[in-house]
Structure formats: structure tokens, C-alpha cells
Amino acid sequence: EKLGNSKYYPDVEIYLRLLNLAPEKMLAIYFQSLRKIPDLKVVGENLQVAAQYKLWWDLGMSPSDVAKCLGITELLESGK
């Protein structure tokens, strides 16, 4: 059975397993990197949109909550 949106390996389950290995910020960077590789673009999109973004939505996170989670506010405030 293939990985991804299947009955054996749903995207959310894969995402939660990855979350045990790396922080959300690193996963977001990883998914964006996958999306730039033509053969892995769909995998990156599925994991980021169907899993990471959906989890944030389900948790009721606001854009500022997500920015804090990813450390974006520090970058914006520092001007880097």
C-alpha cells in the first residue's frame, strides 16, 4: 500500500508521527522543500495542506498563533 491518503497511512497519521521526530517549524520547511521537487510535490502538498494546515485549523489557531509556533514573529520583529 502506498503512503499518503490511504486507509493504512493517512496523511494526518504520517504528520503526527513526523511531529514526534521534529518540531512543526522544521516540518513546515521540509514540506515546502518537497513541494519544490516535481516528483515529490504532491507528497509535500498533501502533508502540508491536508495534515499540517488542517490540524492548525482544527485547533482553532489564528494566523498569529501559527506565526508564533513557526517563529515567524521573531524574524519579522528583528527585520531579518
PDB file of N, CA and C in Angstrom:
ATOM      1  N   GLU A   1       0.848  -1.186   0.000  1.00  0.00           N
ATOM      2  CA  GLU A   1       0.000   0.000   0.000  1.00  0.00           C
ATOM      3  C   GLU A   1       0.886   1.238   0.000  1.00  0.00           C
ATOM      4  N   LYS A   2       0.520   2.219  -0.797  1.00  0.00           N
ATOM      5  CA  LYS A   2       1.306   3.447  -0.885  1.00  0.00           C
ATOM      6  C   LYS A   2       1.103   4.315   0.354  1.00  0.00           C
ATOM      7  N   LEU A   3       2.098   5.134   0.630  1.00  0.00           N
ATOM      8  CA  LEU A   3       1.975   6.087   1.722  1.00  0.00           C
ATOM      9  C   LEU A   3       1.092   7.236   1.276  1.00  0.00           C
ATOM     10  N   GLY A   4       0.572   7.974   2.215  1.00  0.00           N
ATOM     11  CA  GLY A   4      -0.266   9.124   1.893  1.00  0.00           C
ATOM     12  C   GLY A   4      -1.702   8.865   2.254  1.00  0.00           C
ATOM     13  N   ASN A   5      -2.582   9.482   1.533  1.00  0.00           N
ATOM     14  CA  ASN A   5      -4.003   9.375   1.851  1.00  0.00           C
ATOM     15  C   ASN A   5      -4.537   8.000   1.494  1.00  0.00           C
ATOM     16  N   SER A   6      -4.275   7.041   2.329  1.00  0.00           N
ATOM     17  CA  SER A   6      -4.776   5.688   2.145  1.00  0.00           C
ATOM     18  C   SER A   6      -5.326   5.214   3.480  1.00  0.00           C
ATOM     19  N   LYS A   7      -5.976   4.082   3.457  1.00  0.00           N
ATOM     20  CA  LYS A   7      -6.541   3.587   4.717  1.00  0.00           C
ATOM     21  C   LYS A   7      -5.452   3.128   5.681  1.00  0.00           C
ATOM     22  N   TYR A   8      -4.259   2.803   5.166  1.00  0.00           N
ATOM     23  CA  TYR A   8      -3.182   2.321   6.031  1.00  0.00           C
ATOM     24  C   TYR A   8      -2.282   3.446   6.535  1.00  0.00           C
ATOM     25  N   TYR A   9      -2.070   4.453   5.726  1.00  0.00           N
ATOM     26  CA  TYR A   9      -1.173   5.545   6.085  1.00  0.00           C
ATOM     27  C   TYR A   9      -1.801   6.895   5.745  1.00  0.00           C
ATOM     28  N   PRO A  10      -2.819   7.315   6.470  1.00  0.00           N
ATOM     29  CA  PRO A  10      -3.413   8.622   6.174  1.00  0.00           C
ATOM     30  C   PRO A  10      -2.403   9.745   6.442  1.00  0.00           C
ATOM     31  N   ASP A  11      -2.540  10.840   5.696  1.00  0.00           N
ATOM     32  CA  ASP A  11      -1.608  11.962   5.816  1.00  0.00           C
ATOM     33  C   ASP A  11      -1.496  12.470   7.247  1.00  0.00           C
ATOM     34  N   VAL A  12      -2.614  12.536   7.947  1.00  0.00           N
ATOM     35  CA  VAL A  12      -2.584  13.050   9.324  1.00  0.00           C
ATOM     36  C   VAL A  12      -1.752  12.135  10.219  1.00  0.00           C
ATOM     37  N   GLU A  13      -1.874  10.828  10.043  1.00  0.00           N
ATOM     38  CA  GLU A  13      -1.080   9.896  10.852  1.00  0.00           C
ATOM     39  C   GLU A  13       0.406  10.051  10.551  1.00  0.00           C
ATOM     40  N   ILE A  14       0.743  10.186   9.287  1.00  0.00           N
ATOM     41  CA  ILE A  14       2.145  10.393   8.910  1.00  0.00           C
ATOM     42  C   ILE A  14       2.654  11.688   9.537  1.00  0.00           C
ATOM     43  N   TYR A  15       1.851  12.746   9.453  1.00  0.00           N
ATOM     44  CA  TYR A  15       2.243  14.034  10.023  1.00  0.00           C
ATOM     45  C   TYR A  15       2.481  13.927  11.531  1.00  0.00           C
ATOM     46  N   LEU A  16       1.575  13.283  12.235  1.00  0.00           N
ATOM     47  CA  LEU A  16       1.720  13.156  13.689  1.00  0.00           C
ATOM     48  C   LEU A  16       2.953  12.340  14.056  1.00  0.00           C
ATOM     49  N   ARG A  17       3.270  11.338  13.261  1.00  0.00           N
ATOM     50  CA  ARG A  17       4.496  10.566  13.509  1.00  0.00           C
ATOM     51  C   ARG A  17       5.731  11.425  13.276  1.00  0.00           C
ATOM     52  N   LEU A  18       5.709  12.222  12.214  1.00  0.00           N
ATOM     53  CA  LEU A  18       6.830  13.124  11.944  1.00  0.00           C
ATOM     54  C   LEU A  18       6.965  14.167  13.045  1.00  0.00           C
ATOM     55  N   LEU A  19       5.840  14.597  13.596  1.00  0.00           N
ATOM     56  CA  LEU A  19       5.848  15.597  14.659  1.00  0.00           C
ATOM     57  C   LEU A  19       6.550  15.076  15.912  1.00  0.00           C
ATOM     58  N   ASN A  20       6.583  13.771  16.092  1.00  0.00           N
ATOM     59  CA  ASN A  20       7.331  13.180  17.207  1.00  0.00           C
ATOM     60  C   ASN A  20       8.833  13.224  16.966  1.00  0.00           C
ATOM     61  N   LEU A  21       9.229  13.439  15.715  1.00  0.00           N
ATOM     62  CA  LEU A  21      10.647  13.439  15.354  1.00  0.00           C
ATOM     63  C   LEU A  21      11.231  14.835  15.177  1.00  0.00           C
ATOM     64  N   ALA A  22      10.383  15.804  14.852  1.00  0.00           N
ATOM     65  CA  ALA A  22      10.877  17.155  14.563  1.00  0.00           C
ATOM     66  C   ALA A  22       9.809  18.182  14.924  1.00  0.00           C
ATOM     67  N   PRO A  23      10.234  19.406  15.261  1.00  0.00           N
ATOM     68  CA  PRO A  23       9.255  20.456  15.581  1.00  0.00           C
ATOM     69  C   PRO A  23       8.492  20.907  14.332  1.00  0.00           C
ATOM     70  N   GLU A  24       7.332  21.510  14.564  1.00  0.00           N
ATOM     71  CA  GLU A  24       6.474  21.953  13.454  1.00  0.00           C
ATOM     72  C   GLU A  24       7.196  22.878  12.489  1.00  0.00           C
ATOM     73  N   LYS A  25       8.036  23.736  13.026  1.00  0.00           N
ATOM     74  CA  LYS A  25       8.774  24.672  12.174  1.00  0.00           C
ATOM     75  C   LYS A  25       9.617  23.912  11.154  1.00  0.00           C
ATOM     76  N   MET A  26      10.310  22.882  11.600  1.00  0.00           N
ATOM     77  CA  MET A  26      11.155  22.099  10.694  1.00  0.00           C
ATOM     78  C   MET A  26      10.311  21.316   9.693  1.00  0.00           C
ATOM     79  N   LEU A  27       9.172  20.811  10.135  1.00  0.00           N
ATOM     80  CA  LEU A  27       8.288  20.093   9.213  1.00  0.00           C
ATOM     81  C   LEU A  27       7.748  21.030   8.140  1.00  0.00           C
ATOM     82  N   ALA A  28       7.399  22.253   8.518  1.00  0.00           N
ATOM     83  CA  ALA A  28       6.905  23.220   7.535  1.00  0.00           C
ATOM     84  C   ALA A  28       7.970  23.495   6.475  1.00  0.00           C
ATOM     85  N   ILE A  29       9.211  23.658   6.906  1.00  0.00           N
ATOM     86  CA  ILE A  29      10.315  23.877   5.962  1.00  0.00           C
ATOM     87  C   ILE A  29      10.498  22.653   5.075  1.00  0.00           C
ATOM     88  N   TYR A  30      10.438  21.484   5.671  1.00  0.00           N
ATOM     89  CA  TYR A  30      10.595  20.230   4.924  1.00  0.00           C
ATOM     90  C   TYR A  30       9.499  20.078   3.866  1.00  0.00           C
ATOM     91  N   PHE A  31       8.250  20.336   4.246  1.00  0.00           N
ATOM     92  CA  PHE A  31       7.142  20.206   3.299  1.00  0.00           C
ATOM     93  C   PHE A  31       7.279  21.209   2.157  1.00  0.00           C
ATOM     94  N   GLN A  32       7.702  22.436   2.478  1.00  0.00           N
ATOM     95  CA  GLN A  32       7.918  23.428   1.423  1.00  0.00           C
ATOM     96  C   GLN A  32       9.022  22.969   0.471  1.00  0.00           C
ATOM     97  N   SER A  33      10.054  22.354   1.016  1.00  0.00           N
ATOM     98  CA  SER A  33      11.143  21.832   0.175  1.00  0.00           C
ATOM     99  C   SER A  33      10.644  20.719  -0.730  1.00  0.00           C
ATOM    100  N   LEU A  34       9.830  19.821  -0.190  1.00  0.00           N
ATOM    101  CA  LEU A  34       9.278  18.733  -1.004  1.00  0.00           C
ATOM    102  C   LEU A  34       8.443  19.284  -2.156  1.00  0.00           C
ATOM    103  N   ARG A  35       7.732  20.360  -1.901  1.00  0.00           N
ATOM    104  CA  ARG A  35       6.850  20.939  -2.922  1.00  0.00           C
ATOM    105  C   ARG A  35       7.634  21.515  -4.100  1.00  0.00           C
ATOM    106  N   LYS A  36       8.923  21.753  -3.916  1.00  0.00           N
ATOM    107  CA  LYS A  36       9.762  22.293  -4.991  1.00  0.00           C
ATOM    108  C   LYS A  36      10.355  21.196  -5.874  1.00  0.00           C
ATOM    109  N   ILE A  37      10.209  19.948  -5.468  1.00  0.00           N
ATOM    110  CA  ILE A  37      10.731  18.811  -6.236  1.00  0.00           C
ATOM    111  C   ILE A  37       9.563  18.203  -7.006  1.00  0.00           C
ATOM    112  N   PRO A  38       9.606  18.255  -8.339  1.00  0.00           N
ATOM    113  CA  PRO A  38       8.453  17.799  -9.131  1.00  0.00           C
ATOM    114  C   PRO A  38       7.910  16.420  -8.739  1.00  0.00           C
ATOM    115  N   ASP A  39       8.769  15.445  -8.523  1.00  0.00           N
ATOM    116  CA  ASP A  39       8.299  14.094  -8.193  1.00  0.00           C
ATOM    117  C   ASP A  39       7.715  13.990  -6.786  1.00  0.00           C
ATOM    118  N   LEU A  40       8.015  14.947  -5.924  1.00  0.00           N
ATOM    119  CA  LEU A  40       7.541  14.899  -4.534  1.00  0.00           C
ATOM    120  C   LEU A  40       6.564  16.025  -4.202  1.00  0.00           C
ATOM    121  N   LYS A  41       6.229  16.828  -5.200  1.00  0.00           N
ATOM    122  CA  LYS A  41       5.352  17.981  -4.979  1.00  0.00           C
ATOM    123  C   LYS A  41       4.025  17.586  -4.339  1.00  0.00           C
ATOM    124  N   VAL A  42       3.399  16.554  -4.849  1.00  0.00           N
ATOM    125  CA  VAL A  42       2.093  16.129  -4.329  1.00  0.00           C
ATOM    126  C   VAL A  42       2.221  15.640  -2.888  1.00  0.00           C
ATOM    127  N   VAL A  43       3.291  14.932  -2.579  1.00  0.00           N
ATOM    128  CA  VAL A  43       3.512  14.454  -1.206  1.00  0.00           C
ATOM    129  C   VAL A  43       3.635  15.648  -0.264  1.00  0.00           C
ATOM    130  N   GLY A  44       4.458  16.627  -0.638  1.00  0.00           N
ATOM    131  CA  GLY A  44       4.633  17.821   0.190  1.00  0.00           C
ATOM    132  C   GLY A  44       3.339  18.583   0.382  1.00  0.00           C
ATOM    133  N   GLU A  45       2.581  18.731  -0.710  1.00  0.00           N
ATOM    134  CA  GLU A  45       1.302  19.440  -0.619  1.00  0.00           C
ATOM    135  C   GLU A  45       0.318  18.693   0.265  1.00  0.00           C
ATOM    136  N   ASN A  46       0.236  17.388   0.096  1.00  0.00           N
ATOM    137  CA  ASN A  46      -0.699  16.602   0.908  1.00  0.00           C
ATOM    138  C   ASN A  46      -0.363  16.689   2.385  1.00  0.00           C
ATOM    139  N   LEU A  47       0.900  16.545   2.726  1.00  0.00           N
ATOM    140  CA  LEU A  47       1.279  16.580   4.135  1.00  0.00           C
ATOM    141  C   LEU A  47       1.099  17.973   4.725  1.00  0.00           C
ATOM    142  N   GLN A  48       1.395  18.998   3.931  1.00  0.00           N
ATOM    143  CA  GLN A  48       1.265  20.340   4.480  1.00  0.00           C
ATOM    144  C   GLN A  48      -0.189  20.799   4.538  1.00  0.00           C
ATOM    145  N   VAL A  49      -0.906  20.632   3.450  1.00  0.00           N
ATOM    146  CA  VAL A  49      -2.281  21.142   3.392  1.00  0.00           C
ATOM    147  C   VAL A  49      -3.253  20.227   4.132  1.00  0.00           C
ATOM    148  N   ALA A  50      -3.229  18.940   3.802  1.00  0.00           N
ATOM    149  CA  ALA A  50      -4.210  18.004   4.363  1.00  0.00           C
ATOM    150  C   ALA A  50      -3.914  17.647   5.811  1.00  0.00           C
ATOM    151  N   ALA A  51      -2.682  17.829   6.242  1.00  0.00           N
ATOM    152  CA  ALA A  51      -2.348  17.450   7.614  1.00  0.00           C
ATOM    153  C   ALA A  51      -1.984  18.664   8.467  1.00  0.00           C
ATOM    154  N   GLN A  52      -0.893  19.350   8.122  1.00  0.00           N
ATOM    155  CA  GLN A  52      -0.423  20.443   8.972  1.00  0.00           C
ATOM    156  C   GLN A  52      -1.431  21.588   9.037  1.00  0.00           C
ATOM    157  N   TYR A  53      -1.854  22.115   7.898  1.00  0.00           N
ATOM    158  CA  TYR A  53      -2.811  23.226   7.896  1.00  0.00           C
ATOM    159  C   TYR A  53      -4.134  22.809   8.527  1.00  0.00           C
ATOM    160  N   LYS A  54      -4.578  21.594   8.219  1.00  0.00           N
ATOM    161  CA  LYS A  54      -5.853  21.109   8.769  1.00  0.00           C
ATOM    162  C   LYS A  54      -5.786  21.012  10.290  1.00  0.00           C
ATOM    163  N   LEU A  55      -4.667  20.521  10.815  1.00  0.00           N
ATOM    164  CA  LEU A  55      -4.510  20.428  12.263  1.00  0.00           C
ATOM    165  C   LEU A  55      -4.581  21.815  12.892  1.00  0.00           C
ATOM    166  N   TRP A  56      -3.891  22.779  12.301  1.00  0.00           N
ATOM    167  CA  TRP A  56      -3.944  24.147  12.824  1.00  0.00           C
ATOM    168  C   TRP A  56      -5.378  24.672  12.802  1.00  0.00           C
ATOM    169  N   TRP A  57      -6.087  24.409  11.711  1.00  0.00           N
ATOM    170  CA  TRP A  57      -7.486  24.849  11.579  1.00  0.00           C
ATOM    171  C   TRP A  57      -8.347  24.189  12.656  1.00  0.00           C
ATOM    172  N   ASP A  58      -8.191  22.864  12.801  1.00  0.00           N
ATOM    173  CA  ASP A  58      -8.990  22.120  13.785  1.00  0.00           C
ATOM    174  C   ASP A  58      -8.712  22.584  15.212  1.00  0.00           C
ATOM    175  N   LEU A  59      -7.483  23.033  15.472  1.00  0.00           N
ATOM    176  CA  LEU A  59      -7.122  23.533  16.798  1.00  0.00           C
ATOM    177  C   LEU A  59      -7.569  24.975  17.008  1.00  0.00           C
ATOM    178  N   GLY A  60      -8.112  25.589  15.951  1.00  0.00           N
ATOM    179  CA  GLY A  60      -8.579  26.969  16.055  1.00  0.00           C
ATOM    180  C   GLY A  60      -7.454  27.987  16.128  1.00  0.00           C
ATOM    181  N   MET A  61      -6.302  27.645  15.575  1.00  0.00           N
ATOM    182  CA  MET A  61      -5.159  28.554  15.628  1.00  0.00           C
ATOM    183  C   MET A  61      -5.370  29.733  14.677  1.00  0.00           C
ATOM    184  N   SER A  62      -5.067  30.911  15.177  1.00  0.00           N
ATOM    185  CA  SER A  62      -5.140  32.122  14.358  1.00  0.00           C
ATOM    186  C   SER A  62      -3.825  32.272  13.589  1.00  0.00           C
ATOM    187  N   PRO A  63      -3.788  33.149  12.595  1.00  0.00           N
ATOM    188  CA  PRO A  63      -2.521  33.377  11.892  1.00  0.00           C
ATOM    189  C   PRO A  63      -1.390  33.792  12.836  1.00  0.00           C
ATOM    190  N   SER A  64      -1.699  34.582  13.849  1.00  0.00           N
ATOM    191  CA  SER A  64      -0.649  34.978  14.793  1.00  0.00           C
ATOM    192  C   SER A  64      -0.191  33.793  15.639  1.00  0.00           C
ATOM    193  N   ASP A  65      -1.098  32.863  15.962  1.00  0.00           N
ATOM    194  CA  ASP A  65      -0.708  31.647  16.685  1.00  0.00           C
ATOM    195  C   ASP A  65       0.257  30.812  15.844  1.00  0.00           C
ATOM    196  N   VAL A  66      -0.069  30.676  14.560  1.00  0.00           N
ATOM    197  CA  VAL A  66       0.786  29.902  13.654  1.00  0.00           C
ATOM    198  C   VAL A  66       2.140  30.587  13.513  1.00  0.00           C
ATOM    199  N   ALA A  67       2.137  31.910  13.384  1.00  0.00           N
ATOM    200  CA  ALA A  67       3.389  32.661  13.264  1.00  0.00           C
ATOM    201  C   ALA A  67       4.269  32.441  14.492  1.00  0.00           C
ATOM    202  N   LYS A  68       3.669  32.466  15.669  1.00  0.00           N
ATOM    203  CA  LYS A  68       4.430  32.223  16.898  1.00  0.00           C
ATOM    204  C   LYS A  68       4.972  30.805  16.927  1.00  0.00           C
ATOM    205  N   CYS A  69       4.150  29.847  16.530  1.00  0.00           N
ATOM    206  CA  CYS A  69       4.545  28.441  16.512  1.00  0.00           C
ATOM    207  C   CYS A  69       5.749  28.219  15.594  1.00  0.00           C
ATOM    208  N   LEU A  70       5.767  28.931  14.475  1.00  0.00           N
ATOM    209  CA  LEU A  70       6.835  28.761  13.491  1.00  0.00           C
ATOM    210  C   LEU A  70       8.007  29.712  13.714  1.00  0.00           C
ATOM    211  N   GLY A  71       7.881  30.595  14.697  1.00  0.00           N
ATOM    212  CA  GLY A  71       8.964  31.534  14.975  1.00  0.00           C
ATOM    213  C   GLY A  71       9.058  32.662  13.962  1.00  0.00           C
ATOM    214  N   ILE A  72       7.974  32.894  13.237  1.00  0.00           N
ATOM    215  CA  ILE A  72       7.988  33.931  12.208  1.00  0.00           C
ATOM    216  C   ILE A  72       7.954  35.319  12.831  1.00  0.00           C
ATOM    217  N   THR A  73       7.293  35.467  13.965  1.00  0.00           N
ATOM    218  CA  THR A  73       7.181  36.793  14.581  1.00  0.00           C
ATOM    219  C   THR A  73       8.556  37.327  14.958  1.00  0.00           C
ATOM    220  N   GLU A  74       9.440  36.453  15.438  1.00  0.00           N
ATOM    221  CA  GLU A  74      10.782  36.899  15.796  1.00  0.00           C
ATOM    222  C   GLU A  74      11.527  37.396  14.567  1.00  0.00           C
ATOM    223  N   LEU A  75      11.355  36.703  13.444  1.00  0.00           N
ATOM    224  CA  LEU A  75      12.009  37.130  12.209  1.00  0.00           C
ATOM    225  C   LEU A  75      11.470  38.471  11.744  1.00  0.00           C
ATOM    226  N   LEU A  76      10.158  38.649  11.821  1.00  0.00           N
ATOM    227  CA  LEU A  76       9.557  39.904  11.393  1.00  0.00           C
ATOM    228  C   LEU A  76       9.982  41.054  12.296  1.00  0.00           C
ATOM    229  N   GLU A  77      10.025  40.798  13.595  1.00  0.00           N
ATOM    230  CA  GLU A  77      10.391  41.840  14.542  1.00  0.00           C
ATOM    231  C   GLU A  77      11.860  42.217  14.431  1.00  0.00           C
ATOM    232  N   SER A  78      12.712  41.241  14.093  1.00  0.00           N
ATOM    233  CA  SER A  78      14.146  41.520  14.003  1.00  0.00           C
ATOM    234  C   SER A  78      14.522  42.148  12.665  1.00  0.00           C
ATOM    235  N   GLY A  79      13.625  42.078  11.683  1.00  0.00           N
ATOM    236  CA  GLY A  79      13.902  42.648  10.374  1.00  0.00           C
ATOM    237  C   GLY A  79      14.797  41.789   9.506  1.00  0.00           C
ATOM    238  N   LYS A  80      15.012  40.529   9.894  1.00  0.00           N
ATOM    239  CA  LYS A  80      15.875  39.630   9.101  1.00  0.00           C
ATOM    240  C   LYS A  80      15.086  38.886   8.069  1.00  0.00           C
TER     241      LYS A  80
END
